[in-house]
Full PDB file with SEQRES, HELIX, SHEET, SSBOND, CRYST1, ORIGX, SCALE, CONECT and MASTER records, all heavy atoms in Angstrom:
SEQRES   1 A   43  GLY ILE ALA LYS GLN ALA GLY PHE ASP ILE PRO ILE LEU          
SEQRES   2 A   43  HIS GLY LEU CYS SER TYR GLY MET ALA CYS HIS ALA VAL          
SEQRES   3 A   43  LEU LYS THR MET LEU ASP TYR ASP GLN THR ARG MET LYS          
SEQRES   4 A   43  GLY PHE ASP VAL                                              
HELIX    1 AA1 ILE A    2  GLN A    5  1                                   4    
HELIX    2 AA2 GLY A   15  MET A   30  1                                  16    
HELIX    3 AA3 GLN A   35  ARG A   37  5                                   3    
CRYST1    1.000    1.000    1.000  90.00  90.00  90.00 P 1           1          
ORIGX1      1.000000  0.000000  0.000000        0.00000                         
ORIGX2      0.000000  1.000000  0.000000        0.00000                         
ORIGX3      0.000000  0.000000  1.000000        0.00000                         
SCALE1      1.000000  0.000000  0.000000        0.00000                         
SCALE2      0.000000  1.000000  0.000000        0.00000                         
SCALE3      0.000000  0.000000  1.000000        0.00000                         
ATOM      1  N   GLY A   1       0.810  -1.227  -0.017  1.00  0.00           N  
ATOM      2  CA  GLY A   1       0.004   0.006  -0.032  1.00  0.00           C  
ATOM      3  C   GLY A   1       0.823   1.256  -0.006  1.00  0.00           C  
ATOM      4  O   GLY A   1       0.544   2.181  -0.721  1.00  0.00           O  
ATOM      5  N   ILE A   2       1.862   1.274   0.815  1.00  0.00           N  
ATOM      6  CA  ILE A   2       2.772   2.426   0.871  1.00  0.00           C  
ATOM      7  C   ILE A   2       3.536   2.567  -0.426  1.00  0.00           C  
ATOM      8  O   ILE A   2       3.819   3.683  -0.871  1.00  0.00           O  
ATOM      9  CB  ILE A   2       3.719   2.351   2.140  1.00  0.00           C  
ATOM     10  CG1 ILE A   2       2.792   2.575   3.362  1.00  0.00           C  
ATOM     11  CG2 ILE A   2       4.829   3.377   2.004  1.00  0.00           C  
ATOM     12  CD1 ILE A   2       3.592   2.476   4.661  1.00  0.00           C  
ATOM     13  N   ALA A   3       3.961   1.401  -0.996  1.00  0.00           N  
ATOM     14  CA  ALA A   3       4.635   1.488  -2.294  1.00  0.00           C  
ATOM     15  C   ALA A   3       3.760   2.118  -3.349  1.00  0.00           C  
ATOM     16  O   ALA A   3       4.239   2.911  -4.171  1.00  0.00           O  
ATOM     17  CB  ALA A   3       5.050   0.113  -2.709  1.00  0.00           C  
ATOM     18  N   LYS A   4       2.489   1.784  -3.377  1.00  0.00           N  
ATOM     19  CA  LYS A   4       1.587   2.331  -4.378  1.00  0.00           C  
ATOM     20  C   LYS A   4       1.440   3.874  -4.132  1.00  0.00           C  
ATOM     21  O   LYS A   4       1.340   4.651  -5.066  1.00  0.00           O  
ATOM     22  CB  LYS A   4       0.184   1.660  -4.309  1.00  0.00           C  
ATOM     23  CG  LYS A   4       0.239   0.246  -4.964  1.00  0.00           C  
ATOM     24  CD  LYS A   4      -1.169  -0.289  -4.997  1.00  0.00           C  
ATOM     25  CE  LYS A   4      -1.180  -1.733  -5.572  1.00  0.00           C  
ATOM     26  NZ  LYS A   4      -0.684  -1.712  -6.941  1.00  0.00           N  
ATOM     27  N   GLN A   5       1.351   4.301  -2.876  1.00  0.00           N  
ATOM     28  CA  GLN A   5       1.293   5.724  -2.618  1.00  0.00           C  
ATOM     29  C   GLN A   5       2.506   6.491  -3.110  1.00  0.00           C  
ATOM     30  O   GLN A   5       2.407   7.669  -3.459  1.00  0.00           O  
ATOM     31  CB  GLN A   5       1.127   5.914  -1.075  1.00  0.00           C  
ATOM     32  CG  GLN A   5      -0.136   5.490  -0.458  1.00  0.00           C  
ATOM     33  CD  GLN A   5      -0.152   5.622   1.046  1.00  0.00           C  
ATOM     34  OE1 GLN A   5       0.585   6.355   1.589  1.00  0.00           O  
ATOM     35  NE2 GLN A   5      -1.002   4.845   1.689  1.00  0.00           N  
ATOM     36  N   ALA A   6       3.634   5.778  -3.151  1.00  0.00           N  
ATOM     37  CA  ALA A   6       4.874   6.397  -3.655  1.00  0.00           C  
ATOM     38  C   ALA A   6       5.009   6.257  -5.172  1.00  0.00           C  
ATOM     39  O   ALA A   6       5.994   6.754  -5.735  1.00  0.00           O  
ATOM     40  CB  ALA A   6       6.076   5.766  -2.936  1.00  0.00           C  
ATOM     41  N   GLY A   7       4.039   5.632  -5.798  1.00  0.00           N  
ATOM     42  CA  GLY A   7       4.074   5.580  -7.274  1.00  0.00           C  
ATOM     43  C   GLY A   7       4.664   4.273  -7.842  1.00  0.00           C  
ATOM     44  O   GLY A   7       4.885   4.167  -9.040  1.00  0.00           O  
ATOM     45  N   PHE A   8       4.816   3.252  -6.977  1.00  0.00           N  
ATOM     46  CA  PHE A   8       5.291   1.964  -7.503  1.00  0.00           C  
ATOM     47  C   PHE A   8       4.242   0.844  -7.412  1.00  0.00           C  
ATOM     48  O   PHE A   8       3.413   0.866  -6.491  1.00  0.00           O  
ATOM     49  CB  PHE A   8       6.513   1.515  -6.623  1.00  0.00           C  
ATOM     50  CG  PHE A   8       7.665   2.465  -6.638  1.00  0.00           C  
ATOM     51  CD1 PHE A   8       7.907   3.304  -5.563  1.00  0.00           C  
ATOM     52  CD2 PHE A   8       8.534   2.564  -7.721  1.00  0.00           C  
ATOM     53  CE1 PHE A   8       8.907   4.228  -5.571  1.00  0.00           C  
ATOM     54  CE2 PHE A   8       9.602   3.419  -7.725  1.00  0.00           C  
ATOM     55  CZ  PHE A   8       9.827   4.275  -6.681  1.00  0.00           C  
ATOM     56  N   ASP A   9       4.191   0.035  -8.441  1.00  0.00           N  
ATOM     57  CA  ASP A   9       3.186  -1.026  -8.453  1.00  0.00           C  
ATOM     58  C   ASP A   9       3.408  -2.009  -7.324  1.00  0.00           C  
ATOM     59  O   ASP A   9       2.412  -2.582  -6.741  1.00  0.00           O  
ATOM     60  CB  ASP A   9       3.275  -1.790  -9.804  1.00  0.00           C  
ATOM     61  CG  ASP A   9       2.804  -0.868 -10.922  1.00  0.00           C  
ATOM     62  OD1 ASP A   9       2.049   0.084 -10.735  1.00  0.00           O  
ATOM     63  OD2 ASP A   9       3.267  -1.146 -12.104  1.00  0.00           O  
ATOM     64  N   ILE A  10       4.624  -2.313  -6.943  1.00  0.00           N  
ATOM     65  CA  ILE A  10       4.950  -3.186  -5.899  1.00  0.00           C  
ATOM     66  C   ILE A  10       6.119  -2.623  -5.097  1.00  0.00           C  
ATOM     67  O   ILE A  10       6.795  -1.708  -5.536  1.00  0.00           O  
ATOM     68  CB  ILE A  10       5.358  -4.609  -6.361  1.00  0.00           C  
ATOM     69  CG1 ILE A  10       6.627  -4.523  -7.264  1.00  0.00           C  
ATOM     70  CG2 ILE A  10       4.168  -5.259  -7.112  1.00  0.00           C  
ATOM     71  CD1 ILE A  10       7.128  -5.943  -7.561  1.00  0.00           C  
ATOM     72  N   PRO A  11       6.372  -3.061  -3.838  1.00  0.00           N  
ATOM     73  CA  PRO A  11       7.506  -2.586  -3.097  1.00  0.00           C  
ATOM     74  C   PRO A  11       8.842  -2.807  -3.871  1.00  0.00           C  
ATOM     75  O   PRO A  11       9.049  -3.801  -4.566  1.00  0.00           O  
ATOM     76  CB  PRO A  11       7.497  -3.425  -1.812  1.00  0.00           C  
ATOM     77  CG  PRO A  11       6.064  -3.802  -1.632  1.00  0.00           C  
ATOM     78  CD  PRO A  11       5.560  -4.015  -3.064  1.00  0.00           C  
ATOM     79  N   ILE A  12       9.747  -1.838  -3.762  1.00  0.00           N  
ATOM     80  CA  ILE A  12      11.000  -1.910  -4.441  1.00  0.00           C  
ATOM     81  C   ILE A  12      12.097  -2.320  -3.509  1.00  0.00           C  
ATOM     82  O   ILE A  12      11.966  -2.185  -2.262  1.00  0.00           O  
ATOM     83  CB  ILE A  12      11.389  -0.505  -5.086  1.00  0.00           C  
ATOM     84  CG1 ILE A  12      11.482   0.541  -3.989  1.00  0.00           C  
ATOM     85  CG2 ILE A  12      10.392  -0.218  -6.157  1.00  0.00           C  
ATOM     86  CD1 ILE A  12      11.947   1.902  -4.519  1.00  0.00           C  
ATOM     87  N   LEU A  13      13.179  -2.858  -4.058  1.00  0.00           N  
ATOM     88  CA  LEU A  13      14.326  -3.287  -3.253  1.00  0.00           C  
ATOM     89  C   LEU A  13      15.076  -2.059  -2.682  1.00  0.00           C  
ATOM     90  O   LEU A  13      15.188  -1.025  -3.372  1.00  0.00           O  
ATOM     91  CB  LEU A  13      15.243  -4.191  -4.022  1.00  0.00           C  
ATOM     92  CG  LEU A  13      16.375  -4.840  -3.326  1.00  0.00           C  
ATOM     93  CD1 LEU A  13      15.877  -5.834  -2.302  1.00  0.00           C  
ATOM     94  CD2 LEU A  13      17.352  -5.563  -4.321  1.00  0.00           C  
ATOM     95  N   HIS A  14      15.603  -2.214  -1.493  1.00  0.00           N  
ATOM     96  CA  HIS A  14      16.516  -1.143  -0.959  1.00  0.00           C  
ATOM     97  C   HIS A  14      17.664  -0.814  -1.946  1.00  0.00           C  
ATOM     98  O   HIS A  14      18.368  -1.771  -2.352  1.00  0.00           O  
ATOM     99  CB  HIS A  14      17.078  -1.524   0.395  1.00  0.00           C  
ATOM    100  CG  HIS A  14      16.097  -1.917   1.429  1.00  0.00           C  
ATOM    101  ND1 HIS A  14      15.412  -3.131   1.366  1.00  0.00           N  
ATOM    102  CD2 HIS A  14      15.682  -1.302   2.554  1.00  0.00           C  
ATOM    103  CE1 HIS A  14      14.626  -3.245   2.426  1.00  0.00           C  
ATOM    104  NE2 HIS A  14      14.789  -2.152   3.148  1.00  0.00           N  
ATOM    105  N   GLY A  15      17.901   0.491  -2.192  1.00  0.00           N  
ATOM    106  CA  GLY A  15      19.050   0.780  -3.076  1.00  0.00           C  
ATOM    107  C   GLY A  15      20.321   0.288  -2.415  1.00  0.00           C  
ATOM    108  O   GLY A  15      21.248  -0.170  -3.144  1.00  0.00           O  
ATOM    109  N   LEU A  16      20.467   0.343  -1.127  1.00  0.00           N  
ATOM    110  CA  LEU A  16      21.692  -0.030  -0.462  1.00  0.00           C  
ATOM    111  C   LEU A  16      21.824  -1.583  -0.458  1.00  0.00           C  
ATOM    112  O   LEU A  16      22.920  -2.103  -0.273  1.00  0.00           O  
ATOM    113  CB  LEU A  16      21.773   0.513   0.957  1.00  0.00           C  
ATOM    114  CG  LEU A  16      22.075   1.975   1.083  1.00  0.00           C  
ATOM    115  CD1 LEU A  16      22.092   2.434   2.496  1.00  0.00           C  
ATOM    116  CD2 LEU A  16      23.417   2.323   0.400  1.00  0.00           C  
ATOM    117  N   CYS A  17      20.753  -2.315  -0.647  1.00  0.00           N  
ATOM    118  CA  CYS A  17      20.902  -3.773  -0.852  1.00  0.00           C  
ATOM    119  C   CYS A  17      21.567  -4.034  -2.238  1.00  0.00           C  
ATOM    120  O   CYS A  17      22.427  -4.889  -2.296  1.00  0.00           O  
ATOM    121  CB  CYS A  17      19.534  -4.454  -0.717  1.00  0.00           C  
ATOM    122  SG  CYS A  17      19.622  -6.271  -0.862  1.00  0.00           S  
ATOM    123  N   SER A  18      21.131  -3.328  -3.230  1.00  0.00           N  
ATOM    124  CA  SER A  18      21.720  -3.446  -4.528  1.00  0.00           C  
ATOM    125  C   SER A  18      23.168  -2.996  -4.470  1.00  0.00           C  
ATOM    126  O   SER A  18      24.085  -3.615  -5.115  1.00  0.00           O  
ATOM    127  CB  SER A  18      20.943  -2.588  -5.569  1.00  0.00           C  
ATOM    128  OG  SER A  18      19.684  -3.093  -5.732  1.00  0.00           O  
ATOM    129  N   TYR A  19      23.469  -1.992  -3.690  1.00  0.00           N  
ATOM    130  CA  TYR A  19      24.885  -1.552  -3.505  1.00  0.00           C  
ATOM    131  C   TYR A  19      25.703  -2.702  -2.938  1.00  0.00           C  
ATOM    132  O   TYR A  19      26.812  -2.959  -3.393  1.00  0.00           O  
ATOM    133  CB  TYR A  19      24.784  -0.356  -2.521  1.00  0.00           C  
ATOM    134  CG  TYR A  19      26.096   0.245  -2.068  1.00  0.00           C  
ATOM    135  CD1 TYR A  19      26.895   0.965  -2.931  1.00  0.00           C  
ATOM    136  CD2 TYR A  19      26.515   0.164  -0.726  1.00  0.00           C  
ATOM    137  CE1 TYR A  19      28.052   1.586  -2.484  1.00  0.00           C  
ATOM    138  CE2 TYR A  19      27.622   0.763  -0.272  1.00  0.00           C  
ATOM    139  CZ  TYR A  19      28.442   1.446  -1.212  1.00  0.00           C  
ATOM    140  OH  TYR A  19      29.614   2.117  -0.745  1.00  0.00           O  
ATOM    141  N   GLY A  20      25.187  -3.373  -1.925  1.00  0.00           N  
ATOM    142  CA  GLY A  20      25.889  -4.477  -1.368  1.00  0.00           C  
ATOM    143  C   GLY A  20      26.037  -5.671  -2.340  1.00  0.00           C  
ATOM    144  O   GLY A  20      27.066  -6.340  -2.321  1.00  0.00           O  
ATOM    145  N   MET A  21      25.011  -5.925  -3.150  1.00  0.00           N  
ATOM    146  CA  MET A  21      25.102  -6.952  -4.152  1.00  0.00           C  
ATOM    147  C   MET A  21      26.170  -6.658  -5.174  1.00  0.00           C  
ATOM    148  O   MET A  21      26.901  -7.620  -5.669  1.00  0.00           O  
ATOM    149  CB  MET A  21      23.744  -7.225  -4.812  1.00  0.00           C  
ATOM    150  CG  MET A  21      22.689  -7.770  -3.880  1.00  0.00           C  
ATOM    151  SD  MET A  21      21.037  -7.848  -4.648  1.00  0.00           S  
ATOM    152  CE  MET A  21      21.292  -9.137  -5.873  1.00  0.00           C  
ATOM    153  N   ALA A  22      26.356  -5.374  -5.497  1.00  0.00           N  
ATOM    154  CA  ALA A  22      27.426  -4.980  -6.452  1.00  0.00           C  
ATOM    155  C   ALA A  22      28.759  -5.240  -5.795  1.00  0.00           C  
ATOM    156  O   ALA A  22      29.684  -5.754  -6.465  1.00  0.00           O  
ATOM    157  CB  ALA A  22      27.213  -3.557  -6.861  1.00  0.00           C  
ATOM    158  N   CYS A  23      28.869  -4.928  -4.526  1.00  0.00           N  
ATOM    159  CA  CYS A  23      30.136  -5.214  -3.822  1.00  0.00           C  
ATOM    160  C   CYS A  23      30.425  -6.708  -3.778  1.00  0.00           C  
ATOM    161  O   CYS A  23      31.570  -7.174  -4.032  1.00  0.00           O  
ATOM    162  CB  CYS A  23      30.040  -4.647  -2.395  1.00  0.00           C  
ATOM    163  SG  CYS A  23      31.553  -4.896  -1.441  1.00  0.00           S  
ATOM    164  N   HIS A  24      29.406  -7.521  -3.533  1.00  0.00           N  
ATOM    165  CA  HIS A  24      29.487  -9.020  -3.555  1.00  0.00           C  
ATOM    166  C   HIS A  24      30.057  -9.424  -4.879  1.00  0.00           C  
ATOM    167  O   HIS A  24      30.982 -10.307  -4.932  1.00  0.00           O  
ATOM    168  CB  HIS A  24      28.110  -9.544  -3.309  1.00  0.00           C  
ATOM    169  CG  HIS A  24      28.058 -11.036  -3.290  1.00  0.00           C  
ATOM    170  ND1 HIS A  24      26.872 -11.746  -3.045  1.00  0.00           N  
ATOM    171  CD2 HIS A  24      28.983 -12.013  -3.436  1.00  0.00           C  
ATOM    172  CE1 HIS A  24      27.079 -13.041  -3.104  1.00  0.00           C  
ATOM    173  NE2 HIS A  24      28.356 -13.243  -3.345  1.00  0.00           N  
ATOM    174  N   ALA A  25      29.503  -8.911  -6.021  1.00  0.00           N  
ATOM    175  CA  ALA A  25      29.949  -9.307  -7.342  1.00  0.00           C  
ATOM    176  C   ALA A  25      31.423  -8.942  -7.609  1.00  0.00           C  
ATOM    177  O   ALA A  25      32.177  -9.737  -8.167  1.00  0.00           O  
ATOM    178  CB  ALA A  25      29.049  -8.629  -8.372  1.00  0.00           C  
ATOM    179  N   VAL A  26      31.845  -7.764  -7.158  1.00  0.00           N  
ATOM    180  CA  VAL A  26      33.224  -7.329  -7.358  1.00  0.00           C  
ATOM    181  C   VAL A  26      34.178  -8.190  -6.492  1.00  0.00           C  
ATOM    182  O   VAL A  26      35.164  -8.671  -6.974  1.00  0.00           O  
ATOM    183  CB  VAL A  26      33.407  -5.837  -6.967  1.00  0.00           C  
ATOM    184  CG1 VAL A  26      34.865  -5.470  -7.019  1.00  0.00           C  
ATOM    185  CG2 VAL A  26      32.659  -4.948  -7.963  1.00  0.00           C  
ATOM    186  N   LEU A  27      33.805  -8.490  -5.265  1.00  0.00           N  
ATOM    187  CA  LEU A  27      34.590  -9.402  -4.453  1.00  0.00           C  
ATOM    188  C   LEU A  27      34.812 -10.739  -5.085  1.00  0.00           C  
ATOM    189  O   LEU A  27      35.913 -11.302  -5.165  1.00  0.00           O  
ATOM    190  CB  LEU A  27      33.968  -9.510  -3.090  1.00  0.00           C  
ATOM    191  CG  LEU A  27      34.101  -8.342  -2.085  1.00  0.00           C  
ATOM    192  CD1 LEU A  27      33.213  -8.573  -0.852  1.00  0.00           C  
ATOM    193  CD2 LEU A  27      35.552  -8.111  -1.654  1.00  0.00           C  
ATOM    194  N   LYS A  28      33.700 -11.272  -5.549  1.00  0.00           N  
ATOM    195  CA  LYS A  28      33.679 -12.630  -6.128  1.00  0.00           C  
ATOM    196  C   LYS A  28      34.418 -12.713  -7.455  1.00  0.00           C  
ATOM    197  O   LYS A  28      35.209 -13.604  -7.667  1.00  0.00           O  
ATOM    198  CB  LYS A  28      32.186 -12.996  -6.368  1.00  0.00           C  
ATOM    199  CG  LYS A  28      31.945 -14.321  -7.080  1.00  0.00           C  
ATOM    200  CD  LYS A  28      30.455 -14.593  -7.251  1.00  0.00           C  
ATOM    201  CE  LYS A  28      30.267 -15.872  -8.016  1.00  0.00           C  
ATOM    202  NZ  LYS A  28      28.745 -16.138  -8.168  1.00  0.00           N  
ATOM    203  N   THR A  29      34.233 -11.690  -8.331  1.00  0.00           N  
ATOM    204  CA  THR A  29      34.742 -11.825  -9.688  1.00  0.00           C  
ATOM    205  C   THR A  29      36.173 -11.240  -9.864  1.00  0.00           C  
ATOM    206  O   THR A  29      36.986 -11.750 -10.602  1.00  0.00           O  
ATOM    207  CB  THR A  29      33.754 -11.062 -10.627  1.00  0.00           C  
ATOM    208  OG1 THR A  29      32.457 -11.501 -10.420  1.00  0.00           O  
ATOM    209  CG2 THR A  29      34.146 -11.256 -12.094  1.00  0.00           C  
ATOM    210  N   MET A  30      36.427 -10.143  -9.089  1.00  0.00           N  
ATOM    211  CA  MET A  30      37.697  -9.423  -9.357  1.00  0.00           C  
ATOM    212  C   MET A  30      38.747  -9.583  -8.261  1.00  0.00           C  
ATOM    213  O   MET A  30      39.921  -9.342  -8.429  1.00  0.00           O  
ATOM    214  CB  MET A  30      37.384  -7.950  -9.598  1.00  0.00           C  
ATOM    215  CG  MET A  30      36.373  -7.682 -10.657  1.00  0.00           C  
ATOM    216  SD  MET A  30      36.790  -8.187 -12.320  1.00  0.00           S  
ATOM    217  CE  MET A  30      37.827  -6.810 -12.787  1.00  0.00           C  
ATOM    218  N   LEU A  31      38.313  -9.924  -7.025  1.00  0.00           N  
ATOM    219  CA  LEU A  31      39.150  -9.832  -5.830  1.00  0.00           C  
ATOM    220  C   LEU A  31      39.297 -11.215  -5.185  1.00  0.00           C  
ATOM    221  O   LEU A  31      39.886 -11.322  -4.045  1.00  0.00           O  
ATOM    222  CB  LEU A  31      38.705  -8.775  -4.852  1.00  0.00           C  
ATOM    223  CG  LEU A  31      38.649  -7.368  -5.409  1.00  0.00           C  
ATOM    224  CD1 LEU A  31      38.170  -6.402  -4.278  1.00  0.00           C  
ATOM    225  CD2 LEU A  31      39.999  -6.908  -5.891  1.00  0.00           C  
ATOM    226  N   ASP A  32      38.825 -12.264  -5.738  1.00  0.00           N  
ATOM    227  CA  ASP A  32      38.910 -13.659  -5.193  1.00  0.00           C  
ATOM    228  C   ASP A  32      38.470 -13.615  -3.700  1.00  0.00           C  
ATOM    229  O   ASP A  32      39.040 -14.271  -2.848  1.00  0.00           O  
ATOM    230  CB  ASP A  32      40.328 -14.153  -5.287  1.00  0.00           C  
ATOM    231  CG  ASP A  32      40.428 -15.625  -5.017  1.00  0.00           C  
ATOM    232  OD1 ASP A  32      39.455 -16.381  -5.298  1.00  0.00           O  
ATOM    233  OD2 ASP A  32      41.482 -16.109  -4.531  1.00  0.00           O  
ATOM    234  N   TYR A  33      37.417 -12.838  -3.392  1.00  0.00           N  
ATOM    235  CA  TYR A  33      36.756 -12.739  -2.085  1.00  0.00           C  
ATOM    236  C   TYR A  33      37.665 -12.105  -1.019  1.00  0.00           C  
ATOM    237  O   TYR A  33      37.396 -12.218   0.164  1.00  0.00           O  
ATOM    238  CB  TYR A  33      36.273 -14.105  -1.620  1.00  0.00           C  
ATOM    239  CG  TYR A  33      34.973 -14.589  -2.329  1.00  0.00           C  
ATOM    240  CD1 TYR A  33      35.050 -15.446  -3.363  1.00  0.00           C  
ATOM    241  CD2 TYR A  33      33.745 -14.060  -1.890  1.00  0.00           C  
ATOM    242  CE1 TYR A  33      33.885 -15.873  -4.002  1.00  0.00           C  
ATOM    243  CE2 TYR A  33      32.609 -14.468  -2.510  1.00  0.00           C  
ATOM    244  CZ  TYR A  33      32.644 -15.415  -3.581  1.00  0.00           C  
ATOM    245  OH  TYR A  33      31.498 -15.831  -4.225  1.00  0.00           O  
ATOM    246  N   ASP A  34      38.754 -11.421  -1.434  1.00  0.00           N  
ATOM    247  CA  ASP A  34      39.653 -10.822  -0.417  1.00  0.00           C  
ATOM    248  C   ASP A  34      39.205  -9.444  -0.194  1.00  0.00           C  
ATOM    249  O   ASP A  34      39.527  -8.465  -0.882  1.00  0.00           O  
ATOM    250  CB  ASP A  34      41.093 -10.821  -0.973  1.00  0.00           C  
ATOM    251  CG  ASP A  34      42.090 -10.305   0.032  1.00  0.00           C  
ATOM    252  OD1 ASP A  34      41.644  -9.913   1.177  1.00  0.00           O  
ATOM    253  OD2 ASP A  34      43.280 -10.231  -0.265  1.00  0.00           O  
ATOM    254  N   GLN A  35      38.417  -9.222   0.859  1.00  0.00           N  
ATOM    255  CA  GLN A  35      37.824  -7.889   1.205  1.00  0.00           C  
ATOM    256  C   GLN A  35      38.900  -6.914   1.670  1.00  0.00           C  
ATOM    257  O   GLN A  35      38.705  -5.656   1.640  1.00  0.00           O  
ATOM    258  CB  GLN A  35      36.696  -8.036   2.245  1.00  0.00           C  
ATOM    259  CG  GLN A  35      37.098  -7.937   3.675  1.00  0.00           C  
ATOM    260  CD  GLN A  35      37.899  -9.156   4.212  1.00  0.00           C  
ATOM    261  OE1 GLN A  35      38.230 -10.050   3.473  1.00  0.00           O  
ATOM    262  NE2 GLN A  35      38.091  -9.141   5.538  1.00  0.00           N  
ATOM    263  N   THR A  36      40.054  -7.420   2.089  1.00  0.00           N  
ATOM    264  CA  THR A  36      41.098  -6.500   2.620  1.00  0.00           C  
ATOM    265  C   THR A  36      41.681  -5.634   1.518  1.00  0.00           C  
ATOM    266  O   THR A  36      42.317  -4.659   1.838  1.00  0.00           O  
ATOM    267  CB  THR A  36      42.185  -7.243   3.339  1.00  0.00           C  
ATOM    268  OG1 THR A  36      42.914  -8.085   2.367  1.00  0.00           O  
ATOM    269  CG2 THR A  36      41.628  -8.171   4.423  1.00  0.00           C  
ATOM    270  N   ARG A  37      41.474  -6.059   0.285  1.00  0.00           N  
ATOM    271  CA  ARG A  37      42.030  -5.256  -0.844  1.00  0.00           C  
ATOM    272  C   ARG A  37      41.135  -4.086  -1.201  1.00  0.00           C  
ATOM    273  O   ARG A  37      41.590  -3.145  -1.899  1.00  0.00           O  
ATOM    274  CB  ARG A  37      42.207  -6.106  -2.098  1.00  0.00           C  
ATOM    275  CG  ARG A  37      43.244  -7.227  -1.978  1.00  0.00           C  
ATOM    276  CD  ARG A  37      43.461  -7.922  -3.264  1.00  0.00           C  
ATOM    277  NE  ARG A  37      43.979  -6.977  -4.261  1.00  0.00           N  
ATOM    278  CZ  ARG A  37      43.896  -7.190  -5.583  1.00  0.00           C  
ATOM    279  NH1 ARG A  37      43.405  -8.312  -6.072  1.00  0.00           N  
ATOM    280  NH2 ARG A  37      44.383  -6.317  -6.401  1.00  0.00           N  
ATOM    281  N   MET A  38      39.936  -4.043  -0.739  1.00  0.00           N  
ATOM    282  CA  MET A  38      38.974  -2.990  -1.103  1.00  0.00           C  
ATOM    283  C   MET A  38      39.178  -1.782  -0.255  1.00  0.00           C  
ATOM    284  O   MET A  38      39.140  -1.822   0.971  1.00  0.00           O  
ATOM    285  CB  MET A  38      37.542  -3.491  -1.001  1.00  0.00           C  
ATOM    286  CG  MET A  38      36.525  -2.625  -1.694  1.00  0.00           C  
ATOM    287  SD  MET A  38      34.852  -3.389  -1.747  1.00  0.00           S  
ATOM    288  CE  MET A  38      35.081  -4.660  -2.989  1.00  0.00           C  
ATOM    289  N   LYS A  39      39.447  -0.602  -0.880  1.00  0.00           N  
ATOM    290  CA  LYS A  39      39.681   0.621  -0.144  1.00  0.00           C  
ATOM    291  C   LYS A  39      38.595   1.677  -0.375  1.00  0.00           C  
ATOM    292  O   LYS A  39      38.523   2.612   0.422  1.00  0.00           O  
ATOM    293  CB  LYS A  39      40.996   1.234  -0.633  1.00  0.00           C  
ATOM    294  CG  LYS A  39      42.229   0.275  -0.552  1.00  0.00           C  
ATOM    295  CD  LYS A  39      42.433  -0.270   0.846  1.00  0.00           C  
ATOM    296  CE  LYS A  39      43.602  -1.203   0.869  1.00  0.00           C  
ATOM    297  NZ  LYS A  39      43.779  -1.843   2.249  1.00  0.00           N  
ATOM    298  N   GLY A  40      37.777   1.508  -1.355  1.00  0.00           N  
ATOM    299  CA  GLY A  40      36.689   2.496  -1.609  1.00  0.00           C  
ATOM    300  C   GLY A  40      35.639   1.895  -2.491  1.00  0.00           C  
ATOM    301  O   GLY A  40      35.912   1.005  -3.297  1.00  0.00           O  
ATOM    302  N   PHE A  41      34.393   2.371  -2.346  1.00  0.00           N  
ATOM    303  CA  PHE A  41      33.291   1.744  -3.138  1.00  0.00           C  
ATOM    304  C   PHE A  41      32.212   2.828  -3.316  1.00  0.00           C  
ATOM    305  O   PHE A  41      31.433   3.112  -2.343  1.00  0.00           O  
ATOM    306  CB  PHE A  41      32.735   0.522  -2.467  1.00  0.00           C  
ATOM    307  CG  PHE A  41      32.022  -0.407  -3.449  1.00  0.00           C  
ATOM    308  CD1 PHE A  41      32.746  -1.268  -4.227  1.00  0.00           C  
ATOM    309  CD2 PHE A  41      30.678  -0.462  -3.478  1.00  0.00           C  
ATOM    310  CE1 PHE A  41      32.123  -2.127  -5.079  1.00  0.00           C  
ATOM    311  CE2 PHE A  41      30.020  -1.305  -4.330  1.00  0.00           C  
ATOM    312  CZ  PHE A  41      30.747  -2.140  -5.184  1.00  0.00           C  
ATOM    313  N   ASP A  42      32.153   3.434  -4.505  1.00  0.00           N  
ATOM    314  CA  ASP A  42      31.274   4.534  -4.757  1.00  0.00           C  
ATOM    315  C   ASP A  42      30.288   4.242  -5.911  1.00  0.00           C  
ATOM    316  O   ASP A  42      30.659   3.616  -6.867  1.00  0.00           O  
ATOM    317  CB  ASP A  42      32.018   5.809  -5.159  1.00  0.00           C  
ATOM    318  CG  ASP A  42      33.098   6.210  -4.139  1.00  0.00           C  
ATOM    319  OD1 ASP A  42      33.059   5.706  -2.965  1.00  0.00           O  
ATOM    320  OD2 ASP A  42      34.022   6.943  -4.487  1.00  0.00           O  
ATOM    321  N   VAL A  43      29.062   4.656  -5.767  1.00  0.00           N  
ATOM    322  CA  VAL A  43      28.052   4.463  -6.848  1.00  0.00           C  
ATOM    323  C   VAL A  43      27.129   5.613  -6.965  1.00  0.00           C  
ATOM    324  O   VAL A  43      27.018   6.470  -6.066  1.00  0.00           O  
ATOM    325  CB  VAL A  43      27.172   3.190  -6.561  1.00  0.00           C  
ATOM    326  CG1 VAL A  43      28.052   1.975  -6.410  1.00  0.00           C  
ATOM    327  CG2 VAL A  43      26.276   3.415  -5.403  1.00  0.00           C  
TER     328      VAL A  43                                                      
MASTER        0    0    0    3    0    0    0    6  327    1    0    4          
END                                                                             
């Protein structure tokens, strides 16, 4: 109901959840899951 009041047909995913999923993808694909190499993450 609140999503419809805001103009969306259904509730939308948190933007910061997508932000975290992007970080997950970078860790997995480019850094071999080594989080200690990551110094910054901007979107």
